[in-house]
């Protein structure tokens, strides 16, 4: 299993989700993508998209005053 980090803290909607989709598309099943972001809308949209695609959220935590980390494991 590989782990890739995607830092999209400086990006606004919808770019964190667009970049997450592109990064995950290049990864193998079982790999994890750690997404660091601040875009409030994406805090719900990324887990929703992951569930729709069959991926798992393995970690979801606040990492700063307004920053979050969401880990998606590819199905």
Protein backbone atom coordinates (compact mmCIF):
# COMPACT_ATOMS: atom_id res chain seq x y z
CA UNK A 1 0.00 0.00 0.00
CA UNK A 2 1.31 3.41 -0.97
CA UNK A 3 0.43 6.71 0.68
CA UNK A 4 0.40 9.94 -1.31
CA UNK A 5 -0.03 13.42 0.15
CA UNK A 6 -2.03 16.09 -1.69
CA UNK A 7 -1.69 19.60 -0.27
CA UNK A 8 -4.48 21.80 -1.62
CA UNK A 9 -4.61 24.20 1.34
CA UNK A 10 -4.18 27.24 -0.91
CA UNK A 11 -6.95 26.20 -3.30
CA UNK A 12 -10.66 27.06 -3.29
CA UNK A 13 -13.68 25.07 -4.46
CA UNK A 14 -13.90 23.04 -6.61
CA UNK A 15 -10.17 22.54 -7.18
CA UNK A 16 -9.37 20.34 -4.12
CA UNK A 17 -11.91 17.77 -5.33
CA UNK A 18 -10.74 17.98 -8.94
CA UNK A 19 -7.12 17.41 -7.88
CA UNK A 20 -8.11 14.59 -5.52
CA UNK A 21 -9.97 12.79 -8.31
CA UNK A 22 -6.98 13.12 -10.65
CA UNK A 23 -4.49 11.93 -8.02
CA UNK A 24 -6.61 8.94 -6.98
CA UNK A 25 -7.12 7.92 -10.62
CA UNK A 26 -3.36 7.33 -10.90
CA UNK A 27 -3.17 5.25 -7.72
CA UNK A 28 -3.63 1.50 -7.20
CA UNK A 29 -6.45 -0.13 -5.28
CA UNK A 30 -5.72 -0.01 -1.54
CA UNK A 31 -3.46 3.04 -1.80
CA UNK A 32 -4.27 6.05 0.39
CA UNK A 33 -4.46 9.71 -0.57
CA UNK A 34 -4.01 12.19 2.29
CA UNK A 35 -5.68 15.46 1.31
CA UNK A 36 -4.89 18.61 3.29
CA UNK A 37 -7.34 21.44 2.66
CA UNK A 38 -9.16 24.47 4.03
CA UNK A 39 -12.08 24.75 1.56
CA UNK A 40 -15.17 24.38 3.82
CA UNK A 41 -17.46 22.99 1.11
CA UNK A 42 -14.97 20.24 0.33
CA UNK A 43 -15.12 18.91 3.90
CA UNK A 44 -18.46 17.35 2.99
CA UNK A 45 -18.05 16.99 -0.76
CA UNK A 46 -14.87 14.88 -0.74
CA UNK A 47 -16.28 12.22 1.64
CA UNK A 48 -19.55 12.22 -0.35
CA UNK A 49 -17.69 11.72 -3.63
CA UNK A 50 -15.52 8.99 -2.07
CA UNK A 51 -18.59 7.10 -0.85
CA UNK A 52 -20.27 7.39 -4.26
CA UNK A 53 -17.16 5.93 -5.91
CA UNK A 54 -16.78 3.11 -3.36
CA UNK A 55 -13.64 4.52 -1.72
CA UNK A 56 -13.20 4.57 2.07
CA UNK A 57 -12.41 7.50 4.33
CA UNK A 58 -9.82 6.12 6.75
CA UNK A 59 -8.99 9.36 8.58
CA UNK A 60 -10.64 12.77 8.96
CA UNK A 61 -9.13 15.29 11.34
CA UNK A 62 -8.57 18.97 11.98
CA UNK A 63 -4.86 19.81 11.63
CA UNK A 64 -4.96 23.56 12.28
CA UNK A 65 -7.27 26.44 13.03
CA UNK A 66 -8.96 26.14 9.64
CA UNK A 67 -7.14 23.22 8.02
CA UNK A 68 -8.29 19.62 7.71
CA UNK A 69 -6.85 16.32 6.60
CA UNK A 70 -8.99 13.70 4.86
CA UNK A 71 -7.50 10.32 3.98
CA UNK A 72 -9.17 8.40 1.16
CA UNK A 73 -8.35 4.75 0.50
CA UNK A 74 -8.90 3.79 -3.13
CA UNK A 75 -11.35 0.97 -3.72
